[in-house]
């Protein structure tokens, strides 16, 4: 009986220490970016008009960027340190092909199809700096936008100090 009681106390202490370490790591991660970077996501279009697919990708991108510790979404480009402009999306060939064969009774057929992926393309701007970016997924446009959102977040994290310096000089 005593052995079980000691084991229970040991496990309880271990869980408490683990919880404290987790809470400390969360607070420390939050403090890594004490001031979020303002990001505006918009769509590119002719004479201010945006196609439906670009508008959908803008919404998907905003959804996947919302709530990130290093990013704060803003509506106007003039209020942002970083502007991400979705320029389009397309099914793009990968250069690979898939071979399909089917046999039924005395009939045999085969086809080869070119593999494609969903690609959402954008231009990231921070001051006079500009970089083309893209997100990719095999099936879904929303997941291609999520991939792009991760790349934007990583770029902002990598350039966080420089972006803050530019903000302070403005």
N, C-alpha and C. Protein backbone atom coordinates (compact mmCIF):
# COMPACT_ATOMS: atom_id res chain seq x y z
N UNK A 1 0.82 -1.18 0.00
CA UNK A 1 0.00 0.00 0.00
C UNK A 1 0.87 1.25 0.00
N UNK A 2 1.95 1.23 0.85
CA UNK A 2 2.83 2.39 0.92
C UNK A 2 3.51 2.67 -0.41
N UNK A 3 3.86 1.63 -1.12
CA UNK A 3 4.52 1.78 -2.42
C UNK A 3 3.62 2.51 -3.41
N UNK A 4 2.34 2.16 -3.41
CA UNK A 4 1.39 2.81 -4.30
C UNK A 4 1.22 4.28 -3.94
N UNK A 5 1.19 4.60 -2.65
CA UNK A 5 1.03 5.98 -2.18
C UNK A 5 2.24 6.82 -2.61
N UNK A 6 3.41 6.26 -2.48
CA UNK A 6 4.63 6.95 -2.89
C UNK A 6 4.66 7.18 -4.39
N UNK A 7 4.21 6.19 -5.14
CA UNK A 7 4.14 6.31 -6.59
C UNK A 7 3.16 7.40 -7.00
N UNK A 8 2.02 7.46 -6.30
CA UNK A 8 1.00 8.47 -6.58
C UNK A 8 1.55 9.88 -6.30
N UNK A 9 2.25 10.04 -5.21
CA UNK A 9 2.83 11.35 -4.86
C UNK A 9 3.90 11.72 -5.89
N UNK A 10 4.71 10.77 -6.28
CA UNK A 10 5.75 11.03 -7.29
C UNK A 10 5.15 11.46 -8.62
N UNK A 11 4.12 10.78 -9.05
CA UNK A 11 3.47 11.14 -10.31
C UNK A 11 2.83 12.53 -10.23
N UNK A 12 2.21 12.83 -9.09
CA UNK A 12 1.59 14.14 -8.91
C UNK A 12 2.63 15.25 -8.97
N UNK A 13 3.76 15.04 -8.32
CA UNK A 13 4.84 16.04 -8.36
C UNK A 13 5.39 16.19 -9.77
N UNK A 14 5.55 15.10 -10.47
CA UNK A 14 6.06 15.13 -11.84
C UNK A 14 5.11 15.91 -12.74
N UNK A 15 3.81 15.69 -12.59
CA UNK A 15 2.82 16.40 -13.40
C UNK A 15 2.83 17.89 -13.07
N UNK A 16 2.98 18.24 -11.82
CA UNK A 16 3.01 19.65 -11.43
C UNK A 16 4.23 20.35 -12.02
N UNK A 17 5.39 19.71 -11.94
CA UNK A 17 6.61 20.29 -12.51
C UNK A 17 6.47 20.43 -14.03
N UNK A 18 5.93 19.40 -14.67
CA UNK A 18 5.71 19.46 -16.12
C UNK A 18 4.78 20.60 -16.50
N UNK A 19 3.72 20.79 -15.73
CA UNK A 19 2.78 21.89 -15.99
C UNK A 19 3.46 23.23 -15.86
N UNK A 20 4.31 23.40 -14.85
CA UNK A 20 5.04 24.66 -14.67
C UNK A 20 5.99 24.92 -15.83
N UNK A 21 6.69 23.89 -16.26
CA UNK A 21 7.60 24.04 -17.40
C UNK A 21 6.84 24.42 -18.67
N UNK A 22 5.69 23.81 -18.90
CA UNK A 22 4.88 24.11 -20.06
C UNK A 22 4.38 25.55 -20.01
N UNK A 23 3.91 25.99 -18.85
CA UNK A 23 3.43 27.37 -18.70
C UNK A 23 4.56 28.35 -18.92
N UNK A 24 5.74 28.05 -18.41
CA UNK A 24 6.91 28.92 -18.59
C UNK A 24 7.29 29.00 -20.06
N UNK A 25 7.27 27.87 -20.76
CA UNK A 25 7.61 27.87 -22.19
C UNK A 25 6.60 28.68 -22.97
N UNK A 26 5.31 28.61 -22.61
CA UNK A 26 4.28 29.37 -23.32
C UNK A 26 4.50 30.87 -23.12
N UNK A 27 4.75 31.29 -21.87
CA UNK A 27 4.98 32.71 -21.60
C UNK A 27 6.23 33.19 -22.32
N UNK A 28 7.29 32.38 -22.32
CA UNK A 28 8.52 32.75 -22.99
C UNK A 28 8.30 32.88 -24.49
N UNK A 29 7.56 31.96 -25.09
CA UNK A 29 7.29 32.02 -26.53
C UNK A 29 6.49 33.27 -26.86
N UNK A 30 5.54 33.63 -26.01
CA UNK A 30 4.72 34.81 -26.23
C UNK A 30 5.61 36.06 -26.15
N UNK A 31 6.59 36.06 -25.25
CA UNK A 31 7.48 37.21 -25.09
C UNK A 31 8.50 37.34 -26.21
N UNK A 32 8.68 36.29 -27.01
CA UNK A 32 9.61 36.37 -28.13
C UNK A 32 9.18 37.45 -29.12
N UNK A 33 7.88 37.70 -29.21
CA UNK A 33 7.32 38.70 -30.13
C UNK A 33 6.35 39.59 -29.36
N UNK A 34 6.91 40.50 -28.52
CA UNK A 34 6.05 41.32 -27.66
C UNK A 34 5.15 42.29 -28.44
N UNK A 35 5.56 42.63 -29.64
CA UNK A 35 4.79 43.57 -30.45
C UNK A 35 4.52 42.94 -31.81
N UNK A 36 3.27 42.50 -32.07
CA UNK A 36 2.99 41.85 -33.35
C UNK A 36 3.22 42.78 -34.53
N UNK A 37 3.55 42.19 -35.66
CA UNK A 37 3.77 42.93 -36.90
C UNK A 37 2.43 43.06 -37.62
N UNK A 38 2.10 44.28 -38.04
CA UNK A 38 0.85 44.53 -38.75
C UNK A 38 0.96 44.03 -40.19
N UNK A 39 0.02 43.18 -40.58
CA UNK A 39 0.02 42.58 -41.91
C UNK A 39 -1.33 42.84 -42.57
N UNK A 40 -1.29 43.31 -43.80
CA UNK A 40 -2.50 43.49 -44.60
C UNK A 40 -2.48 42.45 -45.71
N UNK A 41 -3.58 41.71 -45.84
CA UNK A 41 -3.72 40.73 -46.92
C UNK A 41 -4.79 41.25 -47.86
N UNK A 42 -4.45 41.33 -49.12
CA UNK A 42 -5.40 41.84 -50.11
C UNK A 42 -5.22 41.08 -51.41
N UNK A 43 -6.12 41.32 -52.34
CA UNK A 43 -6.06 40.66 -53.63
C UNK A 43 -5.69 41.64 -54.72
N UNK A 44 -5.03 41.14 -55.73
CA UNK A 44 -4.66 41.97 -56.89
C UNK A 44 -5.72 41.78 -57.96
N UNK A 45 -6.03 42.84 -58.64
CA UNK A 45 -7.02 42.73 -59.71
C UNK A 45 -6.91 43.91 -60.65
N UNK A 46 -7.66 43.83 -61.72
CA UNK A 46 -7.71 44.89 -62.73
C UNK A 46 -8.60 46.02 -62.23
N UNK A 47 -8.08 47.22 -62.23
CA UNK A 47 -8.83 48.43 -61.87
C UNK A 47 -9.55 48.29 -60.53
N UNK A 48 -8.93 47.61 -59.58
CA UNK A 48 -9.50 47.46 -58.24
C UNK A 48 -10.47 46.30 -58.08
N UNK A 49 -10.79 45.60 -59.16
CA UNK A 49 -11.69 44.45 -59.08
C UNK A 49 -10.87 43.18 -58.87
N UNK A 50 -11.40 42.29 -58.04
CA UNK A 50 -10.71 41.05 -57.72
C UNK A 50 -11.58 39.88 -58.16
N UNK A 51 -10.96 38.88 -58.78
CA UNK A 51 -11.72 37.70 -59.20
C UNK A 51 -12.16 36.90 -57.98
N UNK A 52 -13.17 36.07 -58.18
CA UNK A 52 -13.71 35.26 -57.08
C UNK A 52 -12.70 34.32 -56.47
N UNK A 53 -11.86 33.70 -57.30
CA UNK A 53 -10.88 32.75 -56.75
C UNK A 53 -9.82 33.47 -55.92
N UNK A 54 -9.42 34.67 -56.35
CA UNK A 54 -8.45 35.45 -55.57
C UNK A 54 -9.08 35.88 -54.24
N UNK A 55 -10.34 36.33 -54.30
CA UNK A 55 -11.03 36.74 -53.07
C UNK A 55 -11.14 35.57 -52.09
N UNK A 56 -11.43 34.37 -52.60
CA UNK A 56 -11.50 33.19 -51.74
C UNK A 56 -10.15 32.90 -51.09
N UNK A 57 -9.08 33.02 -51.86
CA UNK A 57 -7.74 32.77 -51.32
C UNK A 57 -7.34 33.84 -50.31
N UNK A 58 -7.77 35.09 -50.52
CA UNK A 58 -7.51 36.15 -49.54
C UNK A 58 -8.17 35.78 -48.21
N UNK A 59 -9.43 35.36 -48.25
CA UNK A 59 -10.14 34.96 -47.03
C UNK A 59 -9.46 33.78 -46.35
N UNK A 60 -9.07 32.78 -47.15
CA UNK A 60 -8.38 31.61 -46.58
C UNK A 60 -7.07 32.02 -45.92
N UNK A 61 -6.33 32.88 -46.57
CA UNK A 61 -5.04 33.33 -46.04
C UNK A 61 -5.25 34.11 -44.74
N UNK A 62 -6.24 35.00 -44.72
CA UNK A 62 -6.53 35.76 -43.50
C UNK A 62 -6.92 34.82 -42.36
N UNK A 63 -7.73 33.82 -42.67
CA UNK A 63 -8.16 32.86 -41.65
C UNK A 63 -6.96 32.14 -41.04
N UNK A 64 -6.01 31.76 -41.87
CA UNK A 64 -4.86 31.00 -41.37
C UNK A 64 -3.80 31.90 -40.71
N UNK A 65 -3.87 33.20 -40.93
CA UNK A 65 -2.92 34.11 -40.30
C UNK A 65 -3.48 34.73 -39.02
N UNK A 66 -4.77 34.69 -38.86
CA UNK A 66 -5.42 35.30 -37.70
C UNK A 66 -5.03 34.57 -36.42
N UNK A 67 -4.71 35.34 -35.39
CA UNK A 67 -4.38 34.76 -34.09
C UNK A 67 -2.94 34.32 -33.92
N UNK A 68 -2.09 34.55 -34.90
CA UNK A 68 -0.68 34.18 -34.77
C UNK A 68 0.00 35.17 -33.83
N UNK A 69 0.95 34.67 -33.04
CA UNK A 69 1.60 35.51 -32.03
C UNK A 69 2.44 36.63 -32.64
N UNK A 70 2.95 36.44 -33.83
CA UNK A 70 3.85 37.43 -34.42
C UNK A 70 3.12 38.35 -35.41
N UNK A 71 1.88 38.00 -35.78
CA UNK A 71 1.14 38.75 -36.80
C UNK A 71 -0.13 39.37 -36.23
N UNK A 72 -0.47 40.56 -36.72
CA UNK A 72 -1.76 41.18 -36.43
C UNK A 72 -2.33 41.64 -37.76
N UNK A 73 -3.49 41.13 -38.13
CA UNK A 73 -4.11 41.51 -39.39
C UNK A 73 -4.71 42.90 -39.29
N UNK A 74 -4.46 43.72 -40.31
CA UNK A 74 -5.05 45.05 -40.41
C UNK A 74 -5.73 45.16 -41.77
N UNK A 75 -6.70 46.07 -41.86
CA UNK A 75 -7.50 46.19 -43.08
C UNK A 75 -6.83 47.03 -44.17
N UNK A 76 -6.07 48.03 -43.76
CA UNK A 76 -5.51 48.97 -44.75
C UNK A 76 -4.00 48.77 -44.90
N UNK A 77 -3.55 48.83 -46.14
CA UNK A 77 -2.12 48.64 -46.43
C UNK A 77 -1.29 49.73 -45.78
N UNK A 78 -1.80 50.93 -45.67
CA UNK A 78 -1.00 52.03 -45.08
C UNK A 78 -0.76 51.83 -43.58
N UNK A 79 -1.55 50.96 -42.93
CA UNK A 79 -1.37 50.68 -41.51
C UNK A 79 -0.47 49.46 -41.27
N UNK A 80 0.03 48.86 -42.34
CA UNK A 80 0.77 47.59 -42.23
C UNK A 80 2.26 47.79 -42.49
N UNK A 81 3.05 46.98 -41.79
CA UNK A 81 4.49 46.91 -42.08
C UNK A 81 4.73 45.91 -43.22
N UNK A 82 3.85 44.92 -43.33
CA UNK A 82 3.97 43.90 -44.36
C UNK A 82 2.63 43.82 -45.10
N UNK A 83 2.70 43.84 -46.43
CA UNK A 83 1.50 43.70 -47.26
C UNK A 83 1.67 42.45 -48.11
N UNK A 84 0.68 41.56 -48.03
CA UNK A 84 0.68 40.34 -48.83
C UNK A 84 -0.45 40.48 -49.84
N UNK A 85 -0.08 40.48 -51.12
CA UNK A 85 -1.06 40.63 -52.19
C UNK A 85 -1.19 39.32 -52.94
N UNK A 86 -2.37 38.71 -52.85
CA UNK A 86 -2.63 37.46 -53.58
C UNK A 86 -2.82 37.84 -55.04
N UNK A 87 -2.00 37.28 -55.90
CA UNK A 87 -2.04 37.63 -57.33
C UNK A 87 -2.76 36.58 -58.17
N UNK A 88 -3.00 35.40 -57.62
CA UNK A 88 -3.72 34.39 -58.39
C UNK A 88 -3.54 33.02 -57.81
N UNK A 89 -4.29 32.11 -58.40
CA UNK A 89 -4.14 30.70 -58.04
C UNK A 89 -4.42 29.87 -59.27
N UNK A 90 -3.78 28.70 -59.31
CA UNK A 90 -3.92 27.86 -60.50
C UNK A 90 -3.58 26.42 -60.16
N UNK A 91 -4.07 25.52 -61.00
CA UNK A 91 -3.62 24.14 -60.98
C UNK A 91 -2.36 24.10 -61.83
N UNK A 92 -1.25 23.69 -61.25
CA UNK A 92 0.01 23.67 -61.98
C UNK A 92 0.55 22.25 -62.06
N UNK A 93 1.09 21.91 -63.21
CA UNK A 93 1.67 20.58 -63.41
C UNK A 93 2.97 20.45 -62.63
N UNK A 94 3.17 19.26 -62.09
CA UNK A 94 4.38 19.00 -61.30
C UNK A 94 5.53 18.49 -62.15
N UNK A 95 5.23 18.06 -63.39
CA UNK A 95 6.25 17.45 -64.22
C UNK A 95 6.25 15.93 -64.10
N UNK A 96 5.42 15.41 -63.19
CA UNK A 96 5.30 13.96 -63.03
C UNK A 96 4.00 13.50 -63.68
N UNK A 97 3.93 12.23 -63.96
CA UNK A 97 2.72 11.63 -64.52
C UNK A 97 2.35 10.40 -63.73
N UNK A 98 1.06 10.09 -63.73
CA UNK A 98 0.57 8.90 -63.06
C UNK A 98 -0.01 7.97 -64.12
N UNK A 99 0.38 6.73 -64.06
CA UNK A 99 -0.06 5.72 -65.01
C UNK A 99 -1.18 4.91 -64.36
N UNK A 100 -2.30 4.79 -65.03
CA UNK A 100 -3.45 4.02 -64.54
C UNK A 100 -3.73 2.90 -65.53
N UNK A 101 -3.95 1.71 -65.03
CA UNK A 101 -4.34 0.60 -65.92
C UNK A 101 -5.55 -0.10 -65.32
N UNK A 102 -6.36 -0.61 -66.22
CA UNK A 102 -7.57 -1.30 -65.79
C UNK A 102 -7.80 -2.51 -66.68
N UNK A 103 -8.12 -3.60 -66.04
CA UNK A 103 -8.38 -4.83 -66.79
C UNK A 103 -9.73 -5.38 -66.34
N UNK A 104 -10.58 -5.69 -67.32
CA UNK A 104 -11.85 -6.32 -66.99
C UNK A 104 -12.16 -7.35 -68.08
N UNK A 105 -12.21 -8.55 -67.70
CA UNK A 105 -12.47 -9.62 -68.65
C UNK A 105 -11.40 -9.66 -69.73
N UNK A 106 -11.81 -9.48 -70.98
CA UNK A 106 -10.89 -9.51 -72.12
C UNK A 106 -10.44 -8.12 -72.53
N UNK A 107 -10.86 -7.09 -71.80
CA UNK A 107 -10.52 -5.71 -72.17
C UNK A 107 -9.46 -5.15 -71.23
N UNK A 108 -8.56 -4.43 -71.80
CA UNK A 108 -7.48 -3.80 -71.04
C UNK A 108 -7.37 -2.35 -71.51
N UNK A 109 -7.32 -1.42 -70.56
CA UNK A 109 -7.14 -0.02 -70.94
C UNK A 109 -6.14 0.63 -69.99
N UNK A 110 -5.47 1.61 -70.49
CA UNK A 110 -4.51 2.33 -69.66
C UNK A 110 -4.54 3.81 -70.04
N UNK A 111 -4.27 4.63 -69.06
CA UNK A 111 -4.19 6.08 -69.29
C UNK A 111 -3.03 6.64 -68.48
N UNK A 112 -2.53 7.74 -68.94
CA UNK A 112 -1.50 8.47 -68.21
C UNK A 112 -2.01 9.89 -68.01
N UNK A 113 -1.97 10.35 -66.78
CA UNK A 113 -2.40 11.72 -66.50
C UNK A 113 -1.24 12.49 -65.90
N UNK A 114 -1.20 13.77 -66.21
CA UNK A 114 -0.18 14.64 -65.65
C UNK A 114 -0.62 15.06 -64.25
N UNK A 115 0.30 14.94 -63.29
CA UNK A 115 0.01 15.31 -61.91
C UNK A 115 -0.03 16.82 -61.78
N UNK A 116 -1.01 17.32 -61.03
CA UNK A 116 -1.12 18.75 -60.79
C UNK A 116 -1.26 19.01 -59.29
N UNK A 117 -0.94 20.23 -58.89
CA UNK A 117 -1.11 20.68 -57.51
C UNK A 117 -1.83 22.02 -57.53
N UNK A 118 -2.45 22.36 -56.40
CA UNK A 118 -3.09 23.67 -56.23
C UNK A 118 -2.02 24.64 -55.74
N UNK A 119 -1.90 25.79 -56.40
CA UNK A 119 -0.89 26.77 -56.04
C UNK A 119 -1.56 28.14 -55.86
N UNK A 120 -1.32 28.77 -54.71
CA UNK A 120 -1.77 30.13 -54.45
C UNK A 120 -0.51 31.01 -54.48
N UNK A 121 -0.50 32.00 -55.37
CA UNK A 121 0.66 32.88 -55.53
C UNK A 121 0.38 34.26 -54.94
N UNK A 122 1.43 34.84 -54.34
CA UNK A 122 1.29 36.16 -53.72
C UNK A 122 2.62 36.91 -53.81
N UNK A 123 2.54 38.20 -53.56
CA UNK A 123 3.73 39.04 -53.46
C UNK A 123 3.74 39.64 -52.05
N UNK A 124 4.84 39.46 -51.34
CA UNK A 124 5.03 40.04 -50.01
C UNK A 124 5.84 41.30 -50.16
N UNK A 125 5.36 42.39 -49.55
CA UNK A 125 6.09 43.66 -49.58
C UNK A 125 6.28 44.17 -48.16
N UNK A 126 7.50 44.63 -47.89
CA UNK A 126 7.83 45.28 -46.62
C UNK A 126 8.70 46.48 -46.99
N UNK A 127 8.12 47.69 -46.97
CA UNK A 127 8.84 48.86 -47.45
C UNK A 127 9.11 48.70 -48.94
N UNK A 128 10.37 48.85 -49.34
CA UNK A 128 10.72 48.71 -50.75
C UNK A 128 11.10 47.27 -51.10
N UNK A 129 11.16 46.39 -50.10
CA UNK A 129 11.49 44.98 -50.33
C UNK A 129 10.27 44.27 -50.89
N UNK A 130 10.49 43.38 -51.84
CA UNK A 130 9.41 42.62 -52.46
C UNK A 130 9.88 41.20 -52.74
N UNK A 131 9.00 40.24 -52.43
CA UNK A 131 9.34 38.83 -52.66
C UNK A 131 8.09 38.08 -53.11
N UNK A 132 8.24 37.29 -54.17
CA UNK A 132 7.15 36.42 -54.61
C UNK A 132 7.14 35.19 -53.72
N UNK A 133 5.94 34.75 -53.35
CA UNK A 133 5.77 33.57 -52.50
C UNK A 133 4.63 32.74 -53.06
N UNK A 134 4.58 31.48 -52.66
CA UNK A 134 3.47 30.64 -53.07
C UNK A 134 3.22 29.57 -52.03
N UNK A 135 1.99 29.09 -51.99
CA UNK A 135 1.61 27.98 -51.14
C UNK A 135 1.09 26.86 -52.03
N UNK A 136 1.33 25.62 -51.62
CA UNK A 136 1.00 24.46 -52.46
C UNK A 136 0.25 23.41 -51.64
N UNK A 137 -0.71 22.77 -52.27
CA UNK A 137 -1.33 21.56 -51.72
C UNK A 137 -1.76 20.67 -52.87
N UNK A 138 -1.81 19.38 -52.62
CA UNK A 138 -2.18 18.43 -53.67
C UNK A 138 -3.66 18.47 -54.02
N UNK A 139 -4.51 18.87 -53.05
CA UNK A 139 -5.95 18.74 -53.28
C UNK A 139 -6.72 20.04 -53.05
N UNK A 140 -6.48 20.73 -51.94
CA UNK A 140 -7.35 21.82 -51.50
C UNK A 140 -6.72 23.20 -51.63
N UNK A 141 -7.53 24.17 -52.09
CA UNK A 141 -7.07 25.57 -52.16
C UNK A 141 -6.82 26.12 -50.76
N UNK A 142 -7.68 25.79 -49.81
CA UNK A 142 -7.52 26.30 -48.45
C UNK A 142 -6.22 25.85 -47.81
N UNK A 143 -5.80 24.63 -48.10
CA UNK A 143 -4.53 24.15 -47.55
C UNK A 143 -3.33 24.76 -48.27
N UNK A 144 -3.51 25.12 -49.53
CA UNK A 144 -2.44 25.85 -50.23
C UNK A 144 -2.28 27.23 -49.59
N UNK A 145 -3.41 27.86 -49.24
CA UNK A 145 -3.36 29.16 -48.55
C UNK A 145 -2.72 29.00 -47.16
N UNK A 146 -3.01 27.90 -46.48
CA UNK A 146 -2.40 27.64 -45.17
C UNK A 146 -0.89 27.51 -45.30
N UNK A 147 -0.42 26.82 -46.33
CA UNK A 147 1.01 26.68 -46.60
C UNK A 147 1.64 28.05 -46.83
N UNK A 148 0.96 28.90 -47.59
CA UNK A 148 1.44 30.26 -47.84
C UNK A 148 1.48 31.06 -46.54
N UNK A 149 0.45 30.93 -45.71
CA UNK A 149 0.40 31.64 -44.43
C UNK A 149 1.59 31.26 -43.54
N UNK A 150 1.94 29.97 -43.53
CA UNK A 150 3.10 29.51 -42.74
C UNK A 150 4.38 30.14 -43.25
N UNK A 151 4.50 30.26 -44.58
CA UNK A 151 5.71 30.85 -45.16
C UNK A 151 5.80 32.34 -44.84
N UNK A 152 4.67 33.04 -44.87
CA UNK A 152 4.67 34.47 -44.51
C UNK A 152 5.04 34.63 -43.04
N UNK A 153 4.44 33.81 -42.18
CA UNK A 153 4.75 33.88 -40.75
C UNK A 153 6.24 33.63 -40.50
N UNK A 154 6.79 32.63 -41.16
CA UNK A 154 8.22 32.32 -40.99
C UNK A 154 9.09 33.49 -41.46
N UNK A 155 8.71 34.12 -42.59
CA UNK A 155 9.47 35.27 -43.10
C UNK A 155 9.42 36.41 -42.09
N UNK A 156 8.25 36.68 -41.53
CA UNK A 156 8.11 37.76 -40.54
C UNK A 156 8.95 37.44 -39.30
N UNK A 157 8.89 36.20 -38.82
CA UNK A 157 9.70 35.82 -37.66
C UNK A 157 11.19 36.00 -37.94
N UNK A 158 11.64 35.63 -39.13
CA UNK A 158 13.05 35.75 -39.48
C UNK A 158 13.50 37.20 -39.58
N UNK A 159 12.58 38.10 -39.90
CA UNK A 159 12.92 39.51 -40.11
C UNK A 159 12.29 40.42 -39.05
N UNK A 160 11.88 39.84 -37.94
CA UNK A 160 11.14 40.56 -36.90
C UNK A 160 11.88 41.82 -36.41
N UNK A 161 13.13 41.69 -36.05
CA UNK A 161 13.91 42.82 -35.53
C UNK A 161 14.02 43.95 -36.54
N UNK A 162 14.30 43.62 -37.77
CA UNK A 162 14.44 44.63 -38.81
C UNK A 162 13.10 45.34 -39.07
N UNK A 163 12.00 44.59 -39.04
CA UNK A 163 10.69 45.19 -39.26
C UNK A 163 10.36 46.16 -38.12
N UNK A 164 10.67 45.75 -36.88
CA UNK A 164 10.44 46.65 -35.75
C UNK A 164 11.29 47.92 -35.84
N UNK A 165 12.54 47.78 -36.28
CA UNK A 165 13.40 48.96 -36.44
C UNK A 165 12.80 49.93 -37.45
N UNK A 166 12.29 49.40 -38.55
CA UNK A 166 11.67 50.25 -39.58
C UNK A 166 10.41 50.91 -39.02
N UNK A 167 9.66 50.17 -38.22
CA UNK A 167 8.43 50.73 -37.60
C UNK A 167 8.80 51.91 -36.71
N UNK A 168 9.86 51.76 -35.93
CA UNK A 168 10.27 52.83 -35.00
C UNK A 168 10.75 54.07 -35.75
N UNK A 169 11.36 53.86 -36.94
CA UNK A 169 11.85 55.00 -37.73
C UNK A 169 10.74 55.73 -38.46
N UNK A 170 9.59 55.08 -38.61
CA UNK A 170 8.48 55.69 -39.35
C UNK A 170 7.84 56.81 -38.61
